[in-house]
Amino acid sequence: WYRQAPGKQRELVATITSNGVTNYAES
């Protein structure tokens, strides 16, 4: 997932690989 707020660039929210490795934005 990414997200984009009005007037801002698209930013990463969270990702998951097929083997379950996750990554999150600090926020």
mmCIF file of all heavy atoms, coordinates in Angstrom:
data_MODEL
# 
_entry.id   MODEL 
# 
loop_
_atom_site.group_PDB 
_atom_site.id 
_atom_site.type_symbol 
_atom_site.label_atom_id 
_atom_site.label_alt_id 
_atom_site.label_comp_id 
_atom_site.label_asym_id 
_atom_site.label_entity_id 
_atom_site.label_seq_id 
_atom_site.pdbx_PDB_ins_code 
_atom_site.Cartn_x 
_atom_site.Cartn_y 
_atom_site.Cartn_z 
_atom_site.occupancy 
_atom_site.B_iso_or_equiv 
_atom_site.pdbx_formal_charge 
_atom_site.auth_seq_id 
_atom_site.auth_comp_id 
_atom_site.auth_asym_id 
_atom_site.auth_atom_id 
_atom_site.pdbx_PDB_model_num 
ATOM 1   N N   . TRP A 1 1  ? 0.828  -1.200  0.000  1.00 0.00 ? 1  TRP A N   1 
ATOM 2   C CA  . TRP A 1 1  ? 0.000  0.000   0.000  1.00 0.00 ? 1  TRP A CA  1 
ATOM 3   C C   . TRP A 1 1  ? 0.864  1.251   0.000  1.00 0.00 ? 1  TRP A C   1 
ATOM 4   O O   . TRP A 1 1  ? 1.866  1.334   0.726  1.00 0.00 ? 1  TRP A O   1 
ATOM 5   C CB  . TRP A 1 1  ? -0.878 0.020   1.245  1.00 0.00 ? 1  TRP A CB  1 
ATOM 6   C CG  . TRP A 1 1  ? -1.861 -1.097  1.298  1.00 0.00 ? 1  TRP A CG  1 
ATOM 7   C CD1 . TRP A 1 1  ? -1.684 -2.327  1.867  1.00 0.00 ? 1  TRP A CD1 1 
ATOM 8   C CD2 . TRP A 1 1  ? -3.180 -1.102  0.756  1.00 0.00 ? 1  TRP A CD2 1 
ATOM 9   N NE1 . TRP A 1 1  ? -2.810 -3.092  1.709  1.00 0.00 ? 1  TRP A NE1 1 
ATOM 10  C CE2 . TRP A 1 1  ? -3.758 -2.361  1.031  1.00 0.00 ? 1  TRP A CE2 1 
ATOM 11  C CE3 . TRP A 1 1  ? -3.953 -0.168  0.071  1.00 0.00 ? 1  TRP A CE3 1 
ATOM 12  C CZ2 . TRP A 1 1  ? -5.045 -2.702  0.640  1.00 0.00 ? 1  TRP A CZ2 1 
ATOM 13  C CZ3 . TRP A 1 1  ? -5.244 -0.495  -0.317 1.00 0.00 ? 1  TRP A CZ3 1 
ATOM 14  C CH2 . TRP A 1 1  ? -5.773 -1.746  -0.029 1.00 0.00 ? 1  TRP A CH2 1 
ATOM 15  N N   . TYR A 1 2  ? 0.447  2.198   -0.809 1.00 0.00 ? 2  TYR A N   1 
ATOM 16  C CA  . TYR A 1 2  ? 0.958  3.548   -0.773 1.00 0.00 ? 2  TYR A CA  1 
ATOM 17  C C   . TYR A 1 2  ? -0.244 4.458   -0.512 1.00 0.00 ? 2  TYR A C   1 
ATOM 18  O O   . TYR A 1 2  ? -1.399 4.030   -0.628 1.00 0.00 ? 2  TYR A O   1 
ATOM 19  C CB  . TYR A 1 2  ? 1.615  3.929   -2.105 1.00 0.00 ? 2  TYR A CB  1 
ATOM 20  C CG  . TYR A 1 2  ? 3.037  3.450   -2.261 1.00 0.00 ? 2  TYR A CG  1 
ATOM 21  C CD1 . TYR A 1 2  ? 3.337  2.099   -2.313 1.00 0.00 ? 2  TYR A CD1 1 
ATOM 22  C CD2 . TYR A 1 2  ? 4.085  4.361   -2.363 1.00 0.00 ? 2  TYR A CD2 1 
ATOM 23  C CE1 . TYR A 1 2  ? 4.649  1.657   -2.466 1.00 0.00 ? 2  TYR A CE1 1 
ATOM 24  C CE2 . TYR A 1 2  ? 5.397  3.943   -2.520 1.00 0.00 ? 2  TYR A CE2 1 
ATOM 25  C CZ  . TYR A 1 2  ? 5.663  2.585   -2.571 1.00 0.00 ? 2  TYR A CZ  1 
ATOM 26  O OH  . TYR A 1 2  ? 6.968  2.158   -2.717 1.00 0.00 ? 2  TYR A OH  1 
ATOM 27  N N   . ARG A 1 3  ? 0.031  5.689   -0.188 1.00 0.00 ? 3  ARG A N   1 
ATOM 28  C CA  . ARG A 1 3  ? -1.057 6.661   -0.016 1.00 0.00 ? 3  ARG A CA  1 
ATOM 29  C C   . ARG A 1 3  ? -0.621 8.027   -0.529 1.00 0.00 ? 3  ARG A C   1 
ATOM 30  O O   . ARG A 1 3  ? 0.564  8.338   -0.583 1.00 0.00 ? 3  ARG A O   1 
ATOM 31  C CB  . ARG A 1 3  ? -1.495 6.760   1.447  1.00 0.00 ? 3  ARG A CB  1 
ATOM 32  C CG  . ARG A 1 3  ? -0.460 7.354   2.379  1.00 0.00 ? 3  ARG A CG  1 
ATOM 33  C CD  . ARG A 1 3  ? -0.941 7.276   3.821  1.00 0.00 ? 3  ARG A CD  1 
ATOM 34  N NE  . ARG A 1 3  ? 0.044  7.841   4.750  1.00 0.00 ? 3  ARG A NE  1 
ATOM 35  C CZ  . ARG A 1 3  ? -0.076 7.778   6.074  1.00 0.00 ? 3  ARG A CZ  1 
ATOM 36  N NH1 . ARG A 1 3  ? -1.111 7.173   6.634  1.00 0.00 ? 3  ARG A NH1 1 
ATOM 37  N NH2 . ARG A 1 3  ? 0.852  8.337   6.844  1.00 0.00 ? 3  ARG A NH2 1 
ATOM 38  N N   . GLN A 1 4  ? -1.621 8.808   -0.901 1.00 0.00 ? 4  GLN A N   1 
ATOM 39  C CA  . GLN A 1 4  ? -1.354 10.156  -1.376 1.00 0.00 ? 4  GLN A CA  1 
ATOM 40  C C   . GLN A 1 4  ? -2.384 11.105  -0.812 1.00 0.00 ? 4  GLN A C   1 
ATOM 41  O O   . GLN A 1 4  ? -3.587 10.956  -1.070 1.00 0.00 ? 4  GLN A O   1 
ATOM 42  C CB  . GLN A 1 4  ? -1.364 10.206  -2.902 1.00 0.00 ? 4  GLN A CB  1 
ATOM 43  C CG  . GLN A 1 4  ? -0.917 11.539  -3.469 1.00 0.00 ? 4  GLN A CG  1 
ATOM 44  C CD  . GLN A 1 4  ? -0.610 11.461  -4.953 1.00 0.00 ? 4  GLN A CD  1 
ATOM 45  O OE1 . GLN A 1 4  ? -1.052 10.542  -5.642 1.00 0.00 ? 4  GLN A OE1 1 
ATOM 46  N NE2 . GLN A 1 4  ? 0.140  12.425  -5.457 1.00 0.00 ? 4  GLN A NE2 1 
ATOM 47  N N   . ALA A 1 5  ? -1.905 12.044  -0.036 1.00 0.00 ? 5  ALA A N   1 
ATOM 48  C CA  . ALA A 1 5  ? -2.763 13.091  0.528  1.00 0.00 ? 5  ALA A CA  1 
ATOM 49  C C   . ALA A 1 5  ? -2.794 14.271  -0.439 1.00 0.00 ? 5  ALA A C   1 
ATOM 50  O O   . ALA A 1 5  ? -1.878 14.449  -1.248 1.00 0.00 ? 5  ALA A O   1 
ATOM 51  C CB  . ALA A 1 5  ? -2.234 13.518  1.886  1.00 0.00 ? 5  ALA A CB  1 
ATOM 52  N N   . PRO A 1 6  ? -3.828 15.106  -0.364 1.00 0.00 ? 6  PRO A N   1 
ATOM 53  C CA  . PRO A 1 6  ? -3.916 16.268  -1.256 1.00 0.00 ? 6  PRO A CA  1 
ATOM 54  C C   . PRO A 1 6  ? -2.674 17.142  -1.170 1.00 0.00 ? 6  PRO A C   1 
ATOM 55  O O   . PRO A 1 6  ? -2.232 17.506  -0.076 1.00 0.00 ? 6  PRO A O   1 
ATOM 56  C CB  . PRO A 1 6  ? -5.152 16.999  -0.746 1.00 0.00 ? 6  PRO A CB  1 
ATOM 57  C CG  . PRO A 1 6  ? -5.975 15.944  -0.110 1.00 0.00 ? 6  PRO A CG  1 
ATOM 58  C CD  . PRO A 1 6  ? -5.001 14.988  0.512  1.00 0.00 ? 6  PRO A CD  1 
ATOM 59  N N   . GLY A 1 7  ? -2.114 17.451  -2.318 1.00 0.00 ? 7  GLY A N   1 
ATOM 60  C CA  . GLY A 1 7  ? -0.951 18.326  -2.367 1.00 0.00 ? 7  GLY A CA  1 
ATOM 61  C C   . GLY A 1 7  ? 0.355  17.673  -1.979 1.00 0.00 ? 7  GLY A C   1 
ATOM 62  O O   . GLY A 1 7  ? 1.383  18.353  -1.885 1.00 0.00 ? 7  GLY A O   1 
ATOM 63  N N   . LYS A 1 8  ? 0.340  16.374  -1.743 1.00 0.00 ? 8  LYS A N   1 
ATOM 64  C CA  . LYS A 1 8  ? 1.559  15.676  -1.322 1.00 0.00 ? 8  LYS A CA  1 
ATOM 65  C C   . LYS A 1 8  ? 1.893  14.561  -2.301 1.00 0.00 ? 8  LYS A C   1 
ATOM 66  O O   . LYS A 1 8  ? 1.050  14.115  -3.078 1.00 0.00 ? 8  LYS A O   1 
ATOM 67  C CB  . LYS A 1 8  ? 1.385  15.111  0.087  1.00 0.00 ? 8  LYS A CB  1 
ATOM 68  C CG  . LYS A 1 8  ? 1.222  16.167  1.153  1.00 0.00 ? 8  LYS A CG  1 
ATOM 69  C CD  . LYS A 1 8  ? 1.254  15.549  2.541  1.00 0.00 ? 8  LYS A CD  1 
ATOM 70  C CE  . LYS A 1 8  ? 1.169  16.603  3.625  1.00 0.00 ? 8  LYS A CE  1 
ATOM 71  N NZ  . LYS A 1 8  ? 1.226  16.009  4.991  1.00 0.00 ? 8  LYS A NZ  1 
ATOM 72  N N   . GLN A 1 9  ? 3.137  14.118  -2.221 1.00 0.00 ? 9  GLN A N   1 
ATOM 73  C CA  . GLN A 1 9  ? 3.572  13.013  -3.072 1.00 0.00 ? 9  GLN A CA  1 
ATOM 74  C C   . GLN A 1 9  ? 3.060  11.688  -2.511 1.00 0.00 ? 9  GLN A C   1 
ATOM 75  O O   . GLN A 1 9  ? 2.785  11.562  -1.310 1.00 0.00 ? 9  GLN A O   1 
ATOM 76  C CB  . GLN A 1 9  ? 5.100  12.994  -3.153 1.00 0.00 ? 9  GLN A CB  1 
ATOM 77  C CG  . GLN A 1 9  ? 5.684  14.134  -3.967 1.00 0.00 ? 9  GLN A CG  1 
ATOM 78  C CD  . GLN A 1 9  ? 7.168  13.941  -4.227 1.00 0.00 ? 9  GLN A CD  1 
ATOM 79  O OE1 . GLN A 1 9  ? 7.874  13.328  -3.421 1.00 0.00 ? 9  GLN A OE1 1 
ATOM 80  N NE2 . GLN A 1 9  ? 7.652  14.465  -5.332 1.00 0.00 ? 9  GLN A NE2 1 
ATOM 81  N N   . ARG A 1 10 ? 2.959  10.720  -3.395 1.00 0.00 ? 10 ARG A N   1 
ATOM 82  C CA  . ARG A 1 10 ? 2.578  9.374   -2.961 1.00 0.00 ? 10 ARG A CA  1 
ATOM 83  C C   . ARG A 1 10 ? 3.695  8.814   -2.079 1.00 0.00 ? 10 ARG A C   1 
ATOM 84  O O   . ARG A 1 10 ? 4.874  8.942   -2.415 1.00 0.00 ? 10 ARG A O   1 
ATOM 85  C CB  . ARG A 1 10 ? 2.340  8.479   -4.171 1.00 0.00 ? 10 ARG A CB  1 
ATOM 86  C CG  . ARG A 1 10 ? 1.710  7.144   -3.853 1.00 0.00 ? 10 ARG A CG  1 
ATOM 87  C CD  . ARG A 1 10 ? 1.370  6.371   -5.108 1.00 0.00 ? 10 ARG A CD  1 
ATOM 88  N NE  . ARG A 1 10 ? 0.356  7.030   -5.926 1.00 0.00 ? 10 ARG A NE  1 
ATOM 89  C CZ  . ARG A 1 10 ? -0.255 6.426   -6.943 1.00 0.00 ? 10 ARG A CZ  1 
ATOM 90  N NH1 . ARG A 1 10 ? 0.034  5.171   -7.258 1.00 0.00 ? 10 ARG A NH1 1 
ATOM 91  N NH2 . ARG A 1 10 ? -1.152 7.094   -7.644 1.00 0.00 ? 10 ARG A NH2 1 
ATOM 92  N N   . GLU A 1 11 ? 3.315  8.192   -0.975 1.00 0.00 ? 11 GLU A N   1 
ATOM 93  C CA  . GLU A 1 11 ? 4.306  7.652   -0.042 1.00 0.00 ? 11 GLU A CA  1 
ATOM 94  C C   . GLU A 1 11 ? 3.971  6.219   0.329  1.00 0.00 ? 11 GLU A C   1 
ATOM 95  O O   . GLU A 1 11 ? 2.803  5.811   0.352  1.00 0.00 ? 11 GLU A O   1 
ATOM 96  C CB  . GLU A 1 11 ? 4.364  8.502   1.233  1.00 0.00 ? 11 GLU A CB  1 
ATOM 97  C CG  . GLU A 1 11 ? 3.081  8.543   2.030  1.00 0.00 ? 11 GLU A CG  1 
ATOM 98  C CD  . GLU A 1 11 ? 3.214  9.318   3.339  1.00 0.00 ? 11 GLU A CD  1 
ATOM 99  O OE1 . GLU A 1 11 ? 4.279  9.907   3.601  1.00 0.00 ? 11 GLU A OE1 1 
ATOM 100 O OE2 . GLU A 1 11 ? 2.238  9.311   4.114  1.00 0.00 ? 11 GLU A OE2 1 
ATOM 101 N N   . LEU A 1 12 ? 5.033  5.485   0.629  1.00 0.00 ? 12 LEU A N   1 
ATOM 102 C CA  . LEU A 1 12 ? 4.863  4.105   1.035  1.00 0.00 ? 12 LEU A CA  1 
ATOM 103 C C   . LEU A 1 12 ? 4.165  4.033   2.384  1.00 0.00 ? 12 LEU A C   1 
ATOM 104 O O   . LEU A 1 12 ? 4.444  4.826   3.286  1.00 0.00 ? 12 LEU A O   1 
ATOM 105 C CB  . LEU A 1 12 ? 6.227  3.430   1.122  1.00 0.00 ? 12 LEU A CB  1 
ATOM 106 C CG  . LEU A 1 12 ? 6.263  1.966   1.581  1.00 0.00 ? 12 LEU A CG  1 
ATOM 107 C CD1 . LEU A 1 12 ? 7.362  1.223   0.841  1.00 0.00 ? 12 LEU A CD1 1 
ATOM 108 C CD2 . LEU A 1 12 ? 6.484  1.867   3.078  1.00 0.00 ? 12 LEU A CD2 1 
ATOM 109 N N   . VAL A 1 13 ? 3.254  3.055   2.521  1.00 0.00 ? 13 VAL A N   1 
ATOM 110 C CA  . VAL A 1 13 ? 2.617  2.789   3.812  1.00 0.00 ? 13 VAL A CA  1 
ATOM 111 C C   . VAL A 1 13 ? 3.122  1.457   4.365  1.00 0.00 ? 13 VAL A C   1 
ATOM 112 O O   . VAL A 1 13 ? 3.680  1.401   5.460  1.00 0.00 ? 13 VAL A O   1 
ATOM 113 C CB  . VAL A 1 13 ? 1.084  2.748   3.669  1.00 0.00 ? 13 VAL A CB  1 
ATOM 114 C CG1 . VAL A 1 13 ? 0.441  2.398   5.007  1.00 0.00 ? 13 VAL A CG1 1 
ATOM 115 C CG2 . VAL A 1 13 ? 0.553  4.080   3.152  1.00 0.00 ? 13 VAL A CG2 1 
ATOM 116 N N   . ALA A 1 14 ? 2.942  0.398   3.597  1.00 0.00 ? 14 ALA A N   1 
ATOM 117 C CA  . ALA A 1 14 ? 3.365  -0.920  4.048  1.00 0.00 ? 14 ALA A CA  1 
ATOM 118 C C   . ALA A 1 14 ? 3.448  -1.856  2.859  1.00 0.00 ? 14 ALA A C   1 
ATOM 119 O O   . ALA A 1 14 ? 2.686  -1.719  1.904  1.00 0.00 ? 14 ALA A O   1 
ATOM 120 C CB  . ALA A 1 14 ? 2.399  -1.489  5.082  1.00 0.00 ? 14 ALA A CB  1 
ATOM 121 N N   . THR A 1 15 ? 4.382  -2.796  2.950  1.00 0.00 ? 15 THR A N   1 
ATOM 122 C CA  . THR A 1 15 ? 4.525  -3.797  1.902  1.00 0.00 ? 15 THR A CA  1 
ATOM 123 C C   . THR A 1 15 ? 4.714  -5.170  2.538  1.00 0.00 ? 15 THR A C   1 
ATOM 124 O O   . THR A 1 15 ? 5.137  -5.283  3.696  1.00 0.00 ? 15 THR A O   1 
ATOM 125 C CB  . THR A 1 15 ? 5.724  -3.500  0.994  1.00 0.00 ? 15 THR A CB  1 
ATOM 126 O OG1 . THR A 1 15 ? 6.929  -3.572  1.780  1.00 0.00 ? 15 THR A OG1 1 
ATOM 127 C CG2 . THR A 1 15 ? 5.631  -2.119  0.365  1.00 0.00 ? 15 THR A CG2 1 
ATOM 128 N N   . ILE A 1 16 ? 4.422  -6.187  1.752  1.00 0.00 ? 16 ILE A N   1 
ATOM 129 C CA  . ILE A 1 16 ? 4.638  -7.562  2.200  1.00 0.00 ? 16 ILE A CA  1 
ATOM 130 C C   . ILE A 1 16 ? 5.057  -8.403  1.006  1.00 0.00 ? 16 ILE A C   1 
ATOM 131 O O   . ILE A 1 16 ? 4.470  -8.300  -0.079 1.00 0.00 ? 16 ILE A O   1 
ATOM 132 C CB  . ILE A 1 16 ? 3.379  -8.132  2.889  1.00 0.00 ? 16 ILE A CB  1 
ATOM 133 C CG1 . ILE A 1 16 ? 3.670  -9.518  3.481  1.00 0.00 ? 16 ILE A CG1 1 
ATOM 134 C CG2 . ILE A 1 16 ? 2.184  -8.159  1.952  1.00 0.00 ? 16 ILE A CG2 1 
ATOM 135 C CD1 . ILE A 1 16 ? 2.571  -9.985  4.448  1.00 0.00 ? 16 ILE A CD1 1 
ATOM 136 N N   . THR A 1 17 ? 6.095  -9.203  1.188  1.00 0.00 ? 17 THR A N   1 
ATOM 137 C CA  . THR A 1 17 ? 6.550  -10.072 0.110  1.00 0.00 ? 17 THR A CA  1 
ATOM 138 C C   . THR A 1 17 ? 5.807  -11.400 0.159  1.00 0.00 ? 17 THR A C   1 
ATOM 139 O O   . THR A 1 17 ? 5.112  -11.714 1.136  1.00 0.00 ? 17 THR A O   1 
ATOM 140 C CB  . THR A 1 17 ? 8.056  -10.325 0.218  1.00 0.00 ? 17 THR A CB  1 
ATOM 141 O OG1 . THR A 1 17 ? 8.311  -11.096 1.396  1.00 0.00 ? 17 THR A OG1 1 
ATOM 142 C CG2 . THR A 1 17 ? 8.830  -9.021  0.267  1.00 0.00 ? 17 THR A CG2 1 
ATOM 143 N N   . SER A 1 18 ? 5.995  -12.188 -0.858 1.00 0.00 ? 18 SER A N   1 
ATOM 144 C CA  . SER A 1 18 ? 5.303  -13.477 -0.935 1.00 0.00 ? 18 SER A CA  1 
ATOM 145 C C   . SER A 1 18 ? 5.764  -14.448 0.150  1.00 0.00 ? 18 SER A C   1 
ATOM 146 O O   . SER A 1 18 ? 5.060  -15.413 0.456  1.00 0.00 ? 18 SER A O   1 
ATOM 147 C CB  . SER A 1 18 ? 5.500  -14.112 -2.315 1.00 0.00 ? 18 SER A CB  1 
ATOM 148 O OG  . SER A 1 18 ? 6.879  -14.246 -2.605 1.00 0.00 ? 18 SER A OG  1 
ATOM 149 N N   . ASN A 1 19 ? 6.946  -14.194 0.734  1.00 0.00 ? 19 ASN A N   1 
ATOM 150 C CA  . ASN A 1 19 ? 7.378  -15.046 1.839  1.00 0.00 ? 19 ASN A CA  1 
ATOM 151 C C   . ASN A 1 19 ? 7.184  -14.366 3.191  1.00 0.00 ? 19 ASN A C   1 
ATOM 152 O O   . ASN A 1 19 ? 7.755  -14.787 4.197  1.00 0.00 ? 19 ASN A O   1 
ATOM 153 C CB  . ASN A 1 19 ? 8.827  -15.509 1.666  1.00 0.00 ? 19 ASN A CB  1 
ATOM 154 C CG  . ASN A 1 19 ? 9.775  -14.365 1.441  1.00 0.00 ? 19 ASN A CG  1 
ATOM 155 O OD1 . ASN A 1 19 ? 9.406  -13.212 1.612  1.00 0.00 ? 19 ASN A OD1 1 
ATOM 156 N ND2 . ASN A 1 19 ? 10.990 -14.674 1.062  1.00 0.00 ? 19 ASN A ND2 1 
ATOM 157 N N   . GLY A 1 20 ? 6.378  -13.316 3.215  1.00 0.00 ? 20 GLY A N   1 
ATOM 158 C CA  . GLY A 1 20 ? 5.929  -12.755 4.482  1.00 0.00 ? 20 GLY A CA  1 
ATOM 159 C C   . GLY A 1 20 ? 6.766  -11.658 5.093  1.00 0.00 ? 20 GLY A C   1 
ATOM 160 O O   . GLY A 1 20 ? 6.487  -11.219 6.216  1.00 0.00 ? 20 GLY A O   1 
ATOM 161 N N   . VAL A 1 21 ? 7.753  -11.171 4.386  1.00 0.00 ? 21 VAL A N   1 
ATOM 162 C CA  . VAL A 1 21 ? 8.569  -10.084 4.916  1.00 0.00 ? 21 VAL A CA  1 
ATOM 163 C C   . VAL A 1 21 ? 7.806  -8.768  4.763  1.00 0.00 ? 21 VAL A C   1 
ATOM 164 O O   . VAL A 1 21 ? 7.334  -8.436  3.673  1.00 0.00 ? 21 VAL A O   1 
ATOM 165 C CB  . VAL A 1 21 ? 9.916  -10.011 4.183  1.00 0.00 ? 21 VAL A CB  1 
ATOM 166 C CG1 . VAL A 1 21 ? 10.720 -8.816  4.683  1.00 0.00 ? 21 VAL A CG1 1 
ATOM 167 C CG2 . VAL A 1 21 ? 10.702 -11.297 4.379  1.00 0.00 ? 21 VAL A CG2 1 
ATOM 168 N N   . THR A 1 22 ? 7.697  -8.043  5.849  1.00 0.00 ? 22 THR A N   1 
ATOM 169 C CA  . THR A 1 22 ? 6.923  -6.800  5.848  1.00 0.00 ? 22 THR A CA  1 
ATOM 170 C C   . THR A 1 22 ? 7.827  -5.582  6.020  1.00 0.00 ? 22 THR A C   1 
ATOM 171 O O   . THR A 1 22 ? 8.933  -5.668  6.559  1.00 0.00 ? 22 THR A O   1 
ATOM 172 C CB  . THR A 1 22 ? 5.877  -6.799  6.968  1.00 0.00 ? 22 THR A CB  1 
ATOM 173 O OG1 . THR A 1 22 ? 6.530  -6.963  8.227  1.00 0.00 ? 22 THR A OG1 1 
ATOM 174 C CG2 . THR A 1 22 ? 4.876  -7.922  6.768  1.00 0.00 ? 22 THR A CG2 1 
ATOM 175 N N   . ASN A 1 23 ? 7.309  -4.452  5.565  1.00 0.00 ? 23 ASN A N   1 
ATOM 176 C CA  . ASN A 1 23 ? 8.013  -3.186  5.716  1.00 0.00 ? 23 ASN A CA  1 
ATOM 177 C C   . ASN A 1 23 ? 6.961  -2.114  5.922  1.00 0.00 ? 23 ASN A C   1 
ATOM 178 O O   . ASN A 1 23 ? 5.916  -2.117  5.258  1.00 0.00 ? 23 ASN A O   1 
ATOM 179 C CB  . ASN A 1 23 ? 8.839  -2.881  4.457  1.00 0.00 ? 23 ASN A CB  1 
ATOM 180 C CG  . ASN A 1 23 ? 9.650  -1.614  4.600  1.00 0.00 ? 23 ASN A CG  1 
ATOM 181 O OD1 . ASN A 1 23 ? 10.238 -1.363  5.642  1.00 0.00 ? 23 ASN A OD1 1 
ATOM 182 N ND2 . ASN A 1 23 ? 9.682  -0.801  3.552  1.00 0.00 ? 23 ASN A ND2 1 
ATOM 183 N N   . TYR A 1 24 ? 7.227  -1.202  6.868  1.00 0.00 ? 24 TYR A N   1 
ATOM 184 C CA  . TYR A 1 24 ? 6.259  -0.163  7.202  1.00 0.00 ? 24 TYR A CA  1 
ATOM 185 C C   . TYR A 1 24 ? 6.913  1.214   7.188  1.00 0.00 ? 24 TYR A C   1 
ATOM 186 O O   . TYR A 1 24 ? 8.082  1.362   7.531  1.00 0.00 ? 24 TYR A O   1 
ATOM 187 C CB  . TYR A 1 24 ? 5.698  -0.384  8.608  1.00 0.00 ? 24 TYR A CB  1 
ATOM 188 C CG  . TYR A 1 24 ? 4.857  -1.620  8.774  1.00 0.00 ? 24 TYR A CG  1 
ATOM 189 C CD1 . TYR A 1 24 ? 5.427  -2.820  9.190  1.00 0.00 ? 24 TYR A CD1 1 
ATOM 190 C CD2 . TYR A 1 24 ? 3.493  -1.589  8.536  1.00 0.00 ? 24 TYR A CD2 1 
ATOM 191 C CE1 . TYR A 1 24 ? 4.655  -3.957  9.365  1.00 0.00 ? 24 TYR A CE1 1 
ATOM 192 C CE2 . TYR A 1 24 ? 2.707  -2.713  8.708  1.00 0.00 ? 24 TYR A CE2 1 
ATOM 193 C CZ  . TYR A 1 24 ? 3.298  -3.893  9.115  1.00 0.00 ? 24 TYR A CZ  1 
ATOM 194 O OH  . TYR A 1 24 ? 2.523  -5.018  9.283  1.00 0.00 ? 24 TYR A OH  1 
ATOM 195 N N   . ALA A 1 25 ? 6.116  2.203   6.851  1.00 0.00 ? 25 ALA A N   1 
ATOM 196 C CA  . ALA A 1 25 ? 6.557  3.573   7.049  1.00 0.00 ? 25 ALA A CA  1 
ATOM 197 C C   . ALA A 1 25 ? 6.635  3.839   8.550  1.00 0.00 ? 25 ALA A C   1 
ATOM 198 O O   . ALA A 1 25 ? 5.830  3.300   9.328  1.00 0.00 ? 25 ALA A O   1 
ATOM 199 C CB  . ALA A 1 25 ? 5.577  4.534   6.400  1.00 0.00 ? 25 ALA A CB  1 
ATOM 200 N N   . GLU A 1 26 ? 7.578  4.676   8.953  1.00 0.00 ? 26 GLU A N   1 
ATOM 201 C CA  . GLU A 1 26 ? 7.732  4.977   10.368 1.00 0.00 ? 26 GLU A CA  1 
ATOM 202 C C   . GLU A 1 26 ? 6.451  5.560   10.956 1.00 0.00 ? 26 GLU A C   1 
ATOM 203 O O   . GLU A 1 26 ? 6.106  5.292   12.107 1.00 0.00 ? 26 GLU A O   1 
ATOM 204 C CB  . GLU A 1 26 ? 8.889  5.957   10.564 1.00 0.00 ? 26 GLU A CB  1 
ATOM 205 C CG  . GLU A 1 26 ? 10.268 5.354   10.416 1.00 0.00 ? 26 GLU A CG  1 
ATOM 206 C CD  . GLU A 1 26 ? 10.570 4.301   11.476 1.00 0.00 ? 26 GLU A CD  1 
ATOM 207 O OE1 . GLU A 1 26 ? 10.103 4.466   12.626 1.00 0.00 ? 26 GLU A OE1 1 
ATOM 208 O OE2 . GLU A 1 26 ? 11.256 3.313   11.157 1.00 0.00 ? 26 GLU A OE2 1 
ATOM 209 N N   . SER A 1 27 ? 5.735  6.324   10.163 1.00 0.00 ? 27 SER A N   1 
ATOM 210 C CA  . SER A 1 27 ? 4.546  7.018   10.658 1.00 0.00 ? 27 SER A CA  1 
ATOM 211 C C   . SER A 1 27 ? 3.387  6.086   10.997 1.00 0.00 ? 27 SER A C   1 
ATOM 212 O O   . SER A 1 27 ? 2.454  6.491   11.689 1.00 0.00 ? 27 SER A O   1 
ATOM 213 C CB  . SER A 1 27 ? 4.082  8.045   9.625  1.00 0.00 ? 27 SER A CB  1 
ATOM 214 O OG  . SER A 1 27 ? 3.772  7.401   8.393  1.00 0.00 ? 27 SER A OG  1 
# 
